[in-house]
């Protein structure tokens, strides 16, 4: 399924907003191309998926040797905000319990995927 320009913008948006007309993708973020790496092809983009946790073993030098770029300070800020928004939201039953007891549920933006998961395949 092709991504629309609006869906790509939702994946690129760095910070959540209270504007109901603007979507925000909590679980993934579009990656910017770096030289010939992560190139966008038409309506397909490479994304970072924050909904899964990966564990690796071995020497970190294997990863460092393959690295083509480092994240910018601005990118690290956007990553921390997105991770906090994704993992820091209270679940529905927790929100209800906290509200019943007069306590804040914290960030209450609803999780609505900006694009269907099937549209997030890397370019072929």
PDB file of N, CA and C in Angstrom:
ATOM      1  N   UNK A   1       0.845  -1.169   0.000  1.00  0.00           N
ATOM      2  CA  UNK A   1       0.000   0.000   0.000  1.00  0.00           C
ATOM      3  C   UNK A   1       0.897   1.241   0.000  1.00  0.00           C
ATOM      4  N   UNK A   2       0.719   2.139  -0.949  1.00  0.00           N
ATOM      5  CA  UNK A   2       1.553   3.347  -1.027  1.00  0.00           C
ATOM      6  C   UNK A   2       1.252   4.312   0.125  1.00  0.00           C
ATOM      7  N   UNK A   3       2.268   5.043   0.541  1.00  0.00           N
ATOM      8  CA  UNK A   3       2.101   6.076   1.565  1.00  0.00           C
ATOM      9  C   UNK A   3       1.713   7.391   0.892  1.00  0.00           C
ATOM     10  N   UNK A   4       0.798   8.107   1.520  1.00  0.00           N
ATOM     11  CA  UNK A   4       0.450   9.441   1.021  1.00  0.00           C
ATOM     12  C   UNK A   4       1.475  10.437   1.559  1.00  0.00           C
ATOM     13  N   UNK A   5       1.486  11.628   0.991  1.00  0.00           N
ATOM     14  CA  UNK A   5       2.393  12.668   1.497  1.00  0.00           C
ATOM     15  C   UNK A   5       2.079  12.988   2.956  1.00  0.00           C
ATOM     16  N   UNK A   6       0.793  12.990   3.331  1.00  0.00           N
ATOM     17  CA  UNK A   6       0.412  13.253   4.724  1.00  0.00           C
ATOM     18  C   UNK A   6       0.935  12.165   5.651  1.00  0.00           C
ATOM     19  N   UNK A   7       0.864  10.904   5.227  1.00  0.00           N
ATOM     20  CA  UNK A   7       1.362   9.809   6.055  1.00  0.00           C
ATOM     21  C   UNK A   7       2.871   9.909   6.242  1.00  0.00           C
ATOM     22  N   UNK A   8       3.577  10.276   5.194  1.00  0.00           N
ATOM     23  CA  UNK A   8       5.032  10.440   5.318  1.00  0.00           C
ATOM     24  C   UNK A   8       5.339  11.588   6.269  1.00  0.00           C
ATOM     25  N   UNK A   9       4.599  12.706   6.172  1.00  0.00           N
ATOM     26  CA  UNK A   9       4.807  13.829   7.105  1.00  0.00           C
ATOM     27  C   UNK A   9       4.541  13.402   8.549  1.00  0.00           C
ATOM     28  N   UNK A  10       3.507  12.561   8.763  1.00  0.00           N
ATOM     29  CA  UNK A  10       3.215  12.065  10.108  1.00  0.00           C
ATOM     30  C   UNK A  10       4.390  11.263  10.657  1.00  0.00           C
ATOM     31  N   UNK A  11       5.034  10.477   9.807  1.00  0.00           N
ATOM     32  CA  UNK A  11       6.186   9.692  10.236  1.00  0.00           C
ATOM     33  C   UNK A  11       7.408  10.567  10.483  1.00  0.00           C
ATOM     34  N   UNK A  12       7.467  11.727   9.852  1.00  0.00           N
ATOM     35  CA  UNK A  12       8.606  12.639  10.009  1.00  0.00           C
ATOM     36  C   UNK A  12       8.402  13.636  11.144  1.00  0.00           C
ATOM     37  N   UNK A  13       7.167  13.821  11.603  1.00  0.00           N
ATOM     38  CA  UNK A  13       6.869  14.823  12.634  1.00  0.00           C
ATOM     39  C   UNK A  13       7.650  14.495  13.897  1.00  0.00           C
ATOM     40  N   UNK A  14       8.379  15.472  14.406  1.00  0.00           N
ATOM     41  CA  UNK A  14       9.271  15.222  15.536  1.00  0.00           C
ATOM     42  C   UNK A  14       8.588  15.273  16.891  1.00  0.00           C
ATOM     43  N   UNK A  15       7.541  16.075  17.036  1.00  0.00           N
ATOM     44  CA  UNK A  15       6.920  16.241  18.345  1.00  0.00           C
ATOM     45  C   UNK A  15       5.407  16.109  18.267  1.00  0.00           C
ATOM     46  N   UNK A  16       4.782  15.528  19.284  1.00  0.00           N
ATOM     47  CA  UNK A  16       3.317  15.412  19.286  1.00  0.00           C
ATOM     48  C   UNK A  16       2.660  16.786  19.421  1.00  0.00           C
ATOM     49  N   UNK A  17       1.394  16.847  19.051  1.00  0.00           N
ATOM     50  CA  UNK A  17       0.650  18.090  19.130  1.00  0.00           C
ATOM     51  C   UNK A  17      -0.761  17.796  19.621  1.00  0.00           C
ATOM     52  N   UNK A  18      -1.422  18.792  20.167  1.00  0.00           N
ATOM     53  CA  UNK A  18      -2.813  18.640  20.598  1.00  0.00           C
ATOM     54  C   UNK A  18      -3.785  18.934  19.465  1.00  0.00           C
ATOM     55  N   UNK A  19      -3.275  19.327  18.302  1.00  0.00           N
ATOM     56  CA  UNK A  19      -4.123  19.646  17.163  1.00  0.00           C
ATOM     57  C   UNK A  19      -4.791  18.369  16.658  1.00  0.00           C
ATOM     58  N   UNK A  20      -6.131  18.265  16.734  1.00  0.00           N
ATOM     59  CA  UNK A  20      -6.808  17.036  16.301  1.00  0.00           C
ATOM     60  C   UNK A  20      -6.717  16.787  14.797  1.00  0.00           C
ATOM     61  N   UNK A  21      -6.317  17.790  14.040  1.00  0.00           N
ATOM     62  CA  UNK A  21      -6.190  17.640  12.587  1.00  0.00           C
ATOM     63  C   UNK A  21      -4.821  17.112  12.176  1.00  0.00           C
ATOM     64  N   UNK A  22      -3.912  16.979  13.142  1.00  0.00           N
ATOM     65  CA  UNK A  22      -2.538  16.574  12.852  1.00  0.00           C
ATOM     66  C   UNK A  22      -2.267  15.228  13.521  1.00  0.00           C
ATOM     67  N   UNK A  23      -1.793  14.268  12.736  1.00  0.00           N
ATOM     68  CA  UNK A  23      -1.454  12.949  13.279  1.00  0.00           C
ATOM     69  C   UNK A  23       0.001  12.927  13.731  1.00  0.00           C
ATOM     70  N   UNK A  24       0.302  11.981  14.608  1.00  0.00           N
ATOM     71  CA  UNK A  24       1.659  11.788  15.106  1.00  0.00           C
ATOM     72  C   UNK A  24       1.876  10.293  15.241  1.00  0.00           C
ATOM     73  N   UNK A  25       2.917   9.778  14.664  1.00  0.00           N
ATOM     74  CA  UNK A  25       3.213   8.345  14.743  1.00  0.00           C
ATOM     75  C   UNK A  25       4.059   8.094  15.982  1.00  0.00           C
ATOM     76  N   UNK A  26       3.470   7.465  16.990  1.00  0.00           N
ATOM     77  CA  UNK A  26       4.193   7.175  18.225  1.00  0.00           C
ATOM     78  C   UNK A  26       5.156   6.009  18.060  1.00  0.00           C
ATOM     79  N   UNK A  27       4.790   5.013  17.292  1.00  0.00           N
ATOM     80  CA  UNK A  27       5.527   3.757  17.265  1.00  0.00           C
ATOM     81  C   UNK A  27       6.638   3.693  16.233  1.00  0.00           C
ATOM     82  N   UNK A  28       6.695   4.664  15.334  1.00  0.00           N
ATOM     83  CA  UNK A  28       7.754   4.642  14.334  1.00  0.00           C
ATOM     84  C   UNK A  28       8.105   6.056  13.901  1.00  0.00           C
ATOM     85  N   UNK A  29       9.306   6.177  13.313  1.00  0.00           N
ATOM     86  CA  UNK A  29       9.759   7.483  12.831  1.00  0.00           C
ATOM     87  C   UNK A  29      10.520   7.270  11.526  1.00  0.00           C
ATOM     88  N   UNK A  30      10.217   8.115  10.550  1.00  0.00           N
ATOM     89  CA  UNK A  30      10.900   8.019   9.251  1.00  0.00           C
ATOM     90  C   UNK A  30      12.371   8.390   9.414  1.00  0.00           C
ATOM     91  N   UNK A  31      13.231   7.624   8.783  1.00  0.00           N
ATOM     92  CA  UNK A  31      14.666   7.893   8.819  1.00  0.00           C
ATOM     93  C   UNK A  31      15.065   8.696   7.596  1.00  0.00           C
ATOM     94  N   UNK A  32      15.919   9.672   7.793  1.00  0.00           N
ATOM     95  CA  UNK A  32      16.393  10.489   6.679  1.00  0.00           C
ATOM     96  C   UNK A  32      17.503   9.750   5.953  1.00  0.00           C
ATOM     97  N   UNK A  33      17.542   9.865   4.633  1.00  0.00           N
ATOM     98  CA  UNK A  33      18.623   9.239   3.875  1.00  0.00           C
ATOM     99  C   UNK A  33      19.988   9.802   4.286  1.00  0.00           C
ATOM    100  N   UNK A  34      20.995   8.935   4.262  1.00  0.00           N
ATOM    101  CA  UNK A  34      22.374   9.325   4.561  1.00  0.00           C
ATOM    102  C   UNK A  34      23.212   8.863   3.377  1.00  0.00           C
ATOM    103  N   UNK A  35      23.574   9.827   2.528  1.00  0.00           N
ATOM    104  CA  UNK A  35      24.307   9.454   1.325  1.00  0.00           C
ATOM    105  C   UNK A  35      23.479   8.486   0.500  1.00  0.00           C
ATOM    106  N   UNK A  36      24.093   7.347   0.130  1.00  0.00           N
ATOM    107  CA  UNK A  36      23.343   6.357  -0.642  1.00  0.00           C
ATOM    108  C   UNK A  36      22.603   5.364   0.249  1.00  0.00           C
ATOM    109  N   UNK A  37      22.676   5.561   1.561  1.00  0.00           N
ATOM    110  CA  UNK A  37      22.009   4.662   2.514  1.00  0.00           C
ATOM    111  C   UNK A  37      20.619   5.180   2.857  1.00  0.00           C
ATOM    112  N   UNK A  38      19.694   4.271   3.058  1.00  0.00           N
ATOM    113  CA  UNK A  38      18.313   4.583   3.462  1.00  0.00           C
ATOM    114  C   UNK A  38      17.595   5.476   2.453  1.00  0.00           C
ATOM    115  N   UNK A  39      17.932   5.318   1.181  1.00  0.00           N
ATOM    116  CA  UNK A  39      17.316   6.158   0.151  1.00  0.00           C
ATOM    117  C   UNK A  39      15.823   5.875   0.071  1.00  0.00           C
ATOM    118  N   UNK A  40      15.065   6.925  -0.147  1.00  0.00           N
ATOM    119  CA  UNK A  40      13.628   6.787  -0.338  1.00  0.00           C
ATOM    120  C   UNK A  40      13.358   6.489  -1.802  1.00  0.00           C
ATOM    121  N   UNK A  41      12.446   5.579  -2.011  1.00  0.00           N
ATOM    122  CA  UNK A  41      12.076   5.217  -3.376  1.00  0.00           C
ATOM    123  C   UNK A  41      10.572   5.413  -3.510  1.00  0.00           C
ATOM    124  N   UNK A  42      10.204   6.503  -4.164  1.00  0.00           N
ATOM    125  CA  UNK A  42       8.788   6.796  -4.356  1.00  0.00           C
ATOM    126  C   UNK A  42       8.090   7.055  -3.039  1.00  0.00           C
ATOM    127  N   UNK A  43       7.077   6.261  -2.749  1.00  0.00           N
ATOM    128  CA  UNK A  43       6.262   6.470  -1.558  1.00  0.00           C
ATOM    129  C   UNK A  43       6.672   5.551  -0.410  1.00  0.00           C
ATOM    130  N   UNK A  44       7.861   4.957  -0.481  1.00  0.00           N
ATOM    131  CA  UNK A  44       8.331   4.069   0.585  1.00  0.00           C
ATOM    132  C   UNK A  44       9.497   4.712   1.320  1.00  0.00           C
ATOM    133  N   UNK A  45       9.487   4.554   2.645  1.00  0.00           N
ATOM    134  CA  UNK A  45      10.535   5.137   3.483  1.00  0.00           C
ATOM    135  C   UNK A  45      11.043   4.082   4.456  1.00  0.00           C
ATOM    136  N   UNK A  46      12.268   4.258   4.906  1.00  0.00           N
ATOM    137  CA  UNK A  46      12.823   3.441   5.984  1.00  0.00           C
ATOM    138  C   UNK A  46      12.348   4.051   7.290  1.00  0.00           C
ATOM    139  N   UNK A  47      11.966   3.218   8.260  1.00  0.00           N
ATOM    140  CA  UNK A  47      11.500   3.728   9.542  1.00  0.00           C
ATOM    141  C   UNK A  47      12.204   3.027  10.689  1.00  0.00           C
ATOM    142  N   UNK A  48      12.308   3.747  11.801  1.00  0.00           N
ATOM    143  CA  UNK A  48      12.730   3.148  13.062  1.00  0.00           C
ATOM    144  C   UNK A  48      11.459   2.695  13.763  1.00  0.00           C
ATOM    145  N   UNK A  49      11.414   1.436  14.175  1.00  0.00           N
ATOM    146  CA  UNK A  49      10.234   0.854  14.827  1.00  0.00           C
ATOM    147  C   UNK A  49      10.488   0.813  16.331  1.00  0.00           C
ATOM    148  N   UNK A  50       9.718   1.605  17.087  1.00  0.00           N
ATOM    149  CA  UNK A  50       9.914   1.671  18.537  1.00  0.00           C
ATOM    150  C   UNK A  50       9.052   0.672  19.291  1.00  0.00           C
ATOM    151  N   UNK A  51       8.235  -0.099  18.574  1.00  0.00           N
ATOM    152  CA  UNK A  51       7.336  -1.043  19.228  1.00  0.00           C
ATOM    153  C   UNK A  51       8.014  -2.373  19.535  1.00  0.00           C
ATOM    154  N   UNK A  52       9.200  -2.592  18.989  1.00  0.00           N
ATOM    155  CA  UNK A  52       9.895  -3.848  19.259  1.00  0.00           C
ATOM    156  C   UNK A  52      11.249  -3.556  19.888  1.00  0.00           C
ATOM    157  N   UNK A  53      11.680  -4.483  20.691  1.00  0.00           N
ATOM    158  CA  UNK A  53      12.985  -4.368  21.351  1.00  0.00           C
ATOM    159  C   UNK A  53      13.870  -5.468  20.794  1.00  0.00           C
ATOM    160  N   UNK A  54      15.050  -5.090  20.338  1.00  0.00           N
ATOM    161  CA  UNK A  54      15.995  -6.052  19.780  1.00  0.00           C
ATOM    162  C   UNK A  54      17.162  -6.220  20.740  1.00  0.00           C
ATOM    163  N   UNK A  55      17.626  -7.438  20.879  1.00  0.00           N
ATOM    164  CA  UNK A  55      18.781  -7.725  21.715  1.00  0.00           C
ATOM    165  C   UNK A  55      19.859  -8.362  20.848  1.00  0.00           C
ATOM    166  N   UNK A  56      21.059  -7.856  20.955  1.00  0.00           N
ATOM    167  CA  UNK A  56      22.178  -8.369  20.182  1.00  0.00           C
ATOM    168  C   UNK A  56      23.290  -8.781  21.124  1.00  0.00           C
ATOM    169  N   UNK A  57      24.043  -9.770  20.712  1.00  0.00           N
ATOM    170  CA  UNK A  57      25.224 -10.148  21.485  1.00  0.00           C
ATOM    171  C   UNK A  57      26.417 -10.112  20.548  1.00  0.00           C
ATOM    172  N   UNK A  58      27.551 -10.038  21.117  1.00  0.00           N
ATOM    173  CA  UNK A  58      28.763  -9.972  20.310  1.00  0.00           C
ATOM    174  C   UNK A  58      29.492  -8.665  20.532  1.00  0.00           C
ATOM    175  N   UNK A  59      30.458  -8.442  19.714  1.00  0.00           N
ATOM    176  CA  UNK A  59      31.293  -7.261  19.855  1.00  0.00           C
ATOM    177  C   UNK A  59      30.625  -6.038  19.233  1.00  0.00           C
ATOM    178  N   UNK A  60      30.650  -4.924  19.943  1.00  0.00           N
ATOM    179  CA  UNK A  60      30.069  -3.688  19.419  1.00  0.00           C
ATOM    180  C   UNK A  60      30.861  -3.180  18.218  1.00  0.00           C
ATOM    181  N   UNK A  61      32.105  -3.597  18.099  1.00  0.00           N
ATOM    182  CA  UNK A  61      32.912  -3.135  16.958  1.00  0.00           C
ATOM    183  C   UNK A  61      32.323  -3.602  15.629  1.00  0.00           C
ATOM    184  N   UNK A  62      31.595  -4.732  15.629  1.00  0.00           N
ATOM    185  CA  UNK A  62      30.936  -5.188  14.397  1.00  0.00           C
ATOM    186  C   UNK A  62      29.909  -4.156  13.930  1.00  0.00           C
ATOM    187  N   UNK A  63      29.183  -3.588  14.873  1.00  0.00           N
ATOM    188  CA  UNK A  63      28.198  -2.568  14.528  1.00  0.00           C
ATOM    189  C   UNK A  63      28.881  -1.254  14.157  1.00  0.00           C
ATOM    190  N   UNK A  64      29.910  -0.899  14.905  1.00  0.00           N
ATOM    191  CA  UNK A  64      30.601   0.364  14.644  1.00  0.00           C
ATOM    192  C   UNK A  64      31.252   0.375  13.268  1.00  0.00           C
ATOM    193  N   UNK A  65      31.736  -0.753  12.826  1.00  0.00           N
ATOM    194  CA  UNK A  65      32.379  -0.815  11.517  1.00  0.00           C
ATOM    195  C   UNK A  65      31.375  -0.568  10.382  1.00  0.00           C
ATOM    196  N   UNK A  66      30.121  -0.898  10.609  1.00  0.00           N
ATOM    197  CA  UNK A  66      29.081  -0.728   9.583  1.00  0.00           C
ATOM    198  C   UNK A  66      28.403   0.633   9.644  1.00  0.00           C
ATOM    199  N   UNK A  67      28.656   1.388  10.689  1.00  0.00           N
ATOM    200  CA  UNK A  67      27.966   2.669  10.869  1.00  0.00           C
ATOM    201  C   UNK A  67      28.372   3.662   9.784  1.00  0.00           C
ATOM    202  N   UNK A  68      27.373   4.328   9.225  1.00  0.00           N
ATOM    203  CA  UNK A  68      27.639   5.316   8.184  1.00  0.00           C
ATOM    204  C   UNK A  68      27.349   6.737   8.661  1.00  0.00           C
ATOM    205  N   UNK A  69      26.657   6.886   9.795  1.00  0.00           N
ATOM    206  CA  UNK A  69      26.348   8.217  10.325  1.00  0.00           C
ATOM    207  C   UNK A  69      25.970   8.080  11.790  1.00  0.00           C
ATOM    208  N   UNK A  70      26.098   9.177  12.503  1.00  0.00           N
ATOM    209  CA  UNK A  70      25.679   9.217  13.900  1.00  0.00           C
ATOM    210  C   UNK A  70      24.458  10.121  14.018  1.00  0.00           C
ATOM    211  N   UNK A  71      23.650   9.883  15.020  1.00  0.00           N
ATOM    212  CA  UNK A  71      22.470  10.706  15.228  1.00  0.00           C
ATOM    213  C   UNK A  71      22.892  12.091  15.721  1.00  0.00           C
ATOM    214  N   UNK A  72      22.225  13.119  15.212  1.00  0.00           N
ATOM    215  CA  UNK A  72      22.518  14.490  15.627  1.00  0.00           C
ATOM    216  C   UNK A  72      21.931  14.743  17.014  1.00  0.00           C
ATOM    217  N   UNK A  73      22.406  15.786  17.722  1.00  0.00           N
ATOM    218  CA  UNK A  73      21.793  16.130  19.013  1.00  0.00           C
ATOM    219  C   UNK A  73      20.295  16.389  18.869  1.00  0.00           C
ATOM    220  N   UNK A  74      19.875  17.042  17.772  1.00  0.00           N
ATOM    221  CA  UNK A  74      18.448  17.286  17.548  1.00  0.00           C
ATOM    222  C   UNK A  74      17.697  15.969  17.352  1.00  0.00           C
ATOM    223  N   UNK A  75      18.332  15.041  16.671  1.00  0.00           N
ATOM    224  CA  UNK A  75      17.724  13.725  16.473  1.00  0.00           C
ATOM    225  C   UNK A  75      17.569  12.974  17.779  1.00  0.00           C
ATOM    226  N   UNK A  76      18.560  13.101  18.668  1.00  0.00           N
ATOM    227  CA  UNK A  76      18.469  12.430  19.971  1.00  0.00           C
ATOM    228  C   UNK A  76      17.346  13.020  20.817  1.00  0.00           C
ATOM    229  N   UNK A  77      17.135  14.337  20.738  1.00  0.00           N
ATOM    230  CA  UNK A  77      16.020  14.960  21.465  1.00  0.00           C
ATOM    231  C   UNK A  77      14.702  14.411  20.936  1.00  0.00           C
ATOM    232  N   UNK A  78      14.538  14.390  19.607  1.00  0.00           N
ATOM    233  CA  UNK A  78      13.300  13.879  19.016  1.00  0.00           C
ATOM    234  C   UNK A  78      13.084  12.413  19.386  1.00  0.00           C
ATOM    235  N   UNK A  79      14.157  11.619  19.422  1.00  0.00           N
ATOM    236  CA  UNK A  79      14.047  10.215  19.803  1.00  0.00           C
ATOM    237  C   UNK A  79      13.569  10.080  21.251  1.00  0.00           C
ATOM    238  N   UNK A  80      14.168  10.854  22.166  1.00  0.00           N
ATOM    239  CA  UNK A  80      13.755  10.772  23.570  1.00  0.00           C
ATOM    240  C   UNK A  80      12.290  11.157  23.732  1.00  0.00           C
ATOM    241  N   UNK A  81      11.846  12.203  23.026  1.00  0.00           N
ATOM    242  CA  UNK A  81      10.441  12.624  23.114  1.00  0.00           C
ATOM    243  C   UNK A  81       9.537  11.506  22.600  1.00  0.00           C
ATOM    244  N   UNK A  82       9.880  10.936  21.449  1.00  0.00           N
ATOM    245  CA  UNK A  82       9.039   9.887  20.864  1.00  0.00           C
ATOM    246  C   UNK A  82       9.011   8.647  21.752  1.00  0.00           C
ATOM    247  N   UNK A  83      10.156   8.235  22.276  1.00  0.00           N
ATOM    248  CA  UNK A  83      10.181   7.069  23.157  1.00  0.00           C
ATOM    249  C   UNK A  83       9.391   7.325  24.435  1.00  0.00           C
ATOM    250  N   UNK A  84       9.533   8.524  24.999  1.00  0.00           N
ATOM    251  CA  UNK A  84       8.766   8.853  26.207  1.00  0.00           C
ATOM    252  C   UNK A  84       7.269   8.852  25.910  1.00  0.00           C
ATOM    253  N   UNK A  85       6.884   9.379  24.747  1.00  0.00           N
ATOM    254  CA  UNK A  85       5.470   9.404  24.381  1.00  0.00           C
ATOM    255  C   UNK A  85       4.948   7.994  24.136  1.00  0.00           C
ATOM    256  N   UNK A  86       5.759   7.154  23.514  1.00  0.00           N
ATOM    257  CA  UNK A  86       5.310   5.796  23.207  1.00  0.00           C
ATOM    258  C   UNK A  86       5.244   4.932  24.461  1.00  0.00           C
ATOM    259  N   UNK A  87       6.333   4.869  25.218  1.00  0.00           N
ATOM    260  CA  UNK A  87       6.405   3.974  26.371  1.00  0.00           C
ATOM    261  C   UNK A  87       5.845   4.591  27.645  1.00  0.00           C
ATOM    262  N   UNK A  88       5.698   5.919  27.703  1.00  0.00           N
ATOM    263  CA  UNK A  88       5.279   6.577  28.940  1.00  0.00           C
ATOM    264  C   UNK A  88       3.789   6.784  29.097  1.00  0.00           C
ATOM    265  N   UNK A  89       2.997   6.418  28.090  1.00  0.00           N
ATOM    266  CA  UNK A  89       1.556   6.599  28.188  1.00  0.00           C
ATOM    267  C   UNK A  89       0.947   5.548  29.099  1.00  0.00           C
ATOM    268  N   UNK A  90      -0.040   5.970  29.885  1.00  0.00           N
ATOM    269  CA  UNK A  90      -0.753   5.025  30.747  1.00  0.00           C
ATOM    270  C   UNK A  90      -1.710   4.189  29.906  1.00  0.00           C
ATOM    271  N   UNK A  91      -1.833   2.908  30.232  1.00  0.00           N
ATOM    272  CA  UNK A  91      -2.814   2.039  29.569  1.00  0.00           C
ATOM    273  C   UNK A  91      -4.211   2.469  30.002  1.00  0.00           C
ATOM    274  N   UNK A  92      -5.222   2.080  29.237  1.00  0.00           N
ATOM    275  CA  UNK A  92      -6.599   2.518  29.484  1.00  0.00           C
ATOM    276  C   UNK A  92      -7.063   2.193  30.901  1.00  0.00           C
ATOM    277  N   UNK A  93      -6.799   0.974  31.391  1.00  0.00           N
ATOM    278  CA  UNK A  93      -7.255   0.614  32.739  1.00  0.00           C
ATOM    279  C   UNK A  93      -6.506   1.406  33.809  1.00  0.00           C
ATOM    280  N   UNK A  94      -5.227   1.702  33.559  1.00  0.00           N
ATOM    281  CA  UNK A  94      -4.473   2.533  34.508  1.00  0.00           C
ATOM    282  C   UNK A  94      -5.031   3.953  34.529  1.00  0.00           C
ATOM    283  N   UNK A  95      -5.334   4.511  33.342  1.00  0.00           N
ATOM    284  CA  UNK A  95      -5.888   5.869  33.280  1.00  0.00           C
ATOM    285  C   UNK A  95      -7.169   5.958  34.085  1.00  0.00           C
ATOM    286  N   UNK A  96      -8.044   4.973  33.893  1.00  0.00           N
ATOM    287  CA  UNK A  96      -9.332   4.983  34.596  1.00  0.00           C
ATOM    288  C   UNK A  96      -9.122   4.917  36.105  1.00  0.00           C
ATOM    289  N   UNK A  97      -8.241   4.036  36.551  1.00  0.00           N
ATOM    290  CA  UNK A  97      -7.959   3.910  37.987  1.00  0.00           C
ATOM    291  C   UNK A  97      -7.410   5.226  38.557  1.00  0.00           C
ATOM    292  N   UNK A  98      -6.444   5.811  37.859  1.00  0.00           N
ATOM    293  CA  UNK A  98      -5.845   7.055  38.334  1.00  0.00           C
ATOM    294  C   UNK A  98      -6.867   8.186  38.371  1.00  0.00           C
ATOM    295  N   UNK A  99      -7.704   8.281  37.341  1.00  0.00           N
ATOM    296  CA  UNK A  99      -8.728   9.332  37.315  1.00  0.00           C
ATOM    297  C   UNK A  99      -9.730   9.153  38.450  1.00  0.00           C
ATOM    298  N   UNK A 100     -10.123   7.911  38.729  1.00  0.00           N
ATOM    299  CA  UNK A 100     -11.066   7.641  39.832  1.00  0.00           C
ATOM    300  C   UNK A 100     -10.503   8.120  41.167  1.00  0.00           C
ATOM    301  N   UNK A 101      -9.185   8.078  41.285  1.00  0.00           N
ATOM    302  CA  UNK A 101      -8.529   8.473  42.530  1.00  0.00           C
ATOM    303  C   UNK A 101      -7.976   9.894  42.484  1.00  0.00           C
ATOM    304  N   UNK A 102      -8.405  10.662  41.467  1.00  0.00           N
ATOM    305  CA  UNK A 102      -8.021  12.065  41.380  1.00  0.00           C
ATOM    306  C   UNK A 102      -6.555  12.302  41.051  1.00  0.00           C
ATOM    307  N   UNK A 103      -5.934  11.347  40.399  1.00  0.00           N
ATOM    308  CA  UNK A 103      -4.516  11.484  40.059  1.00  0.00           C
ATOM    309  C   UNK A 103      -4.338  11.649  38.556  1.00  0.00           C
ATOM    310  N   UNK A 104      -3.258  12.285  38.190  1.00  0.00           N
ATOM    311  CA  UNK A 104      -2.960  12.510  36.773  1.00  0.00           C
ATOM    312  C   UNK A 104      -2.539  11.208  36.107  1.00  0.00           C
ATOM    313  N   UNK A 105      -3.004  11.013  34.892  1.00  0.00           N
ATOM    314  CA  UNK A 105      -2.596   9.842  34.116  1.00  0.00           C
ATOM    315  C   UNK A 105      -1.387  10.162  33.251  1.00  0.00           C
ATOM    316  N   UNK A 106      -0.849  11.364  33.368  1.00  0.00           N
ATOM    317  CA  UNK A 106       0.303  11.740  32.558  1.00  0.00           C
ATOM    318  C   UNK A 106      -0.118  12.056  31.137  1.00  0.00           C
ATOM    319  N   UNK A 107       0.754  11.782  30.196  1.00  0.00           N
ATOM    320  CA  UNK A 107       0.476  12.049  28.794  1.00  0.00           C
ATOM    321  C   UNK A 107      -0.743  11.257  28.359  1.00  0.00           C
ATOM    322  N   UNK A 108      -1.735  11.945  27.804  1.00  0.00           N
ATOM    323  CA  UNK A 108      -2.975  11.261  27.456  1.00  0.00           C
ATOM    324  C   UNK A 108      -3.292  11.297  25.973  1.00  0.00           C
ATOM    325  N   UNK A 109      -2.331  11.672  25.129  1.00  0.00           N
ATOM    326  CA  UNK A 109      -2.578  11.605  23.695  1.00  0.00           C
ATOM    327  C   UNK A 109      -2.862  10.157  23.331  1.00  0.00           C
ATOM    328  N   UNK A 110      -3.854   9.940  22.507  1.00  0.00           N
ATOM    329  CA  UNK A 110      -4.228   8.580  22.136  1.00  0.00           C
ATOM    330  C   UNK A 110      -3.268   8.037  21.079  1.00  0.00           C
ATOM    331  N   UNK A 111      -3.001   6.759  21.156  1.00  0.00           N
ATOM    332  CA  UNK A 111      -2.141   6.099  20.177  1.00  0.00           C
ATOM    333  C   UNK A 111      -2.987   5.716  18.977  1.00  0.00           C
ATOM    334  N   UNK A 112      -2.753   6.394  17.883  1.00  0.00           N
ATOM    335  CA  UNK A 112      -3.440   6.079  16.632  1.00  0.00           C
ATOM    336  C   UNK A 112      -2.356   5.954  15.574  1.00  0.00           C
ATOM    337  N   UNK A 113      -2.165   4.762  15.019  1.00  0.00           N
ATOM    338  CA  UNK A 113      -1.123   4.621  14.009  1.00  0.00           C
ATOM    339  C   UNK A 113      -1.342   5.596  12.859  1.00  0.00           C
ATOM    340  N   UNK A 114      -0.280   6.254  12.442  1.00  0.00           N
ATOM    341  CA  UNK A 114      -0.383   7.229  11.363  1.00  0.00           C
ATOM    342  C   UNK A 114      -0.548   6.539  10.021  1.00  0.00           C
ATOM    343  N   UNK A 115       0.018   5.352   9.896  1.00  0.00           N
ATOM    344  CA  UNK A 115      -0.079   4.625   8.635  1.00  0.00           C
ATOM    345  C   UNK A 115      -0.277   3.152   8.950  1.00  0.00           C
ATOM    346  N   UNK A 116      -0.903   2.411   8.053  1.00  0.00           N
ATOM    347  CA  UNK A 116      -1.031   0.971   8.267  1.00  0.00           C
ATOM    348  C   UNK A 116       0.347   0.329   8.316  1.00  0.00           C
ATOM    349  N   UNK A 117       0.523  -0.636   9.211  1.00  0.00           N
ATOM    350  CA  UNK A 117       1.822  -1.281   9.378  1.00  0.00           C
ATOM    351  C   UNK A 117       2.321  -1.886   8.072  1.00  0.00           C
ATOM    352  N   UNK A 118       1.438  -2.380   7.235  1.00  0.00           N
ATOM    353  CA  UNK A 118       1.873  -2.986   5.983  1.00  0.00           C
ATOM    354  C   UNK A 118       2.533  -1.990   5.047  1.00  0.00           C
ATOM    355  N   UNK A 119       2.306  -0.685   5.274  1.00  0.00           N
ATOM    356  CA  UNK A 119       2.894   0.331   4.415  1.00  0.00           C
ATOM    357  C   UNK A 119       4.319   0.678   4.827  1.00  0.00           C
ATOM    358  N   UNK A 120       4.821   0.073   5.901  1.00  0.00           N
ATOM    359  CA  UNK A 120       6.122   0.463   6.429  1.00  0.00           C
ATOM    360  C   UNK A 120       7.266  -0.435   5.956  1.00  0.00           C
ATOM    361  N   UNK A 121       7.033  -1.235   4.953  1.00  0.00           N
ATOM    362  CA  UNK A 121       8.098  -2.099   4.440  1.00  0.00           C
ATOM    363  C   UNK A 121       9.204  -1.249   3.831  1.00  0.00           C
ATOM    364  N   UNK A 122      10.464  -1.661   4.009  1.00  0.00           N
ATOM    365  CA  UNK A 122      11.562  -0.895   3.403  1.00  0.00           C
ATOM    366  C   UNK A 122      11.480  -0.960   1.891  1.00  0.00           C
ATOM    367  N   UNK A 123      12.070   0.008   1.225  1.00  0.00           N
ATOM    368  CA  UNK A 123      12.068  -0.011  -0.240  1.00  0.00           C
ATOM    369  C   UNK A 123      12.727  -1.272  -0.762  1.00  0.00           C
ATOM    370  N   UNK A 124      12.239  -1.782  -1.870  1.00  0.00           N
ATOM    371  CA  UNK A 124      12.849  -3.006  -2.431  1.00  0.00           C
ATOM    372  C   UNK A 124      13.771  -2.654  -3.584  1.00  0.00           C
TER     373      UNK A 124
END
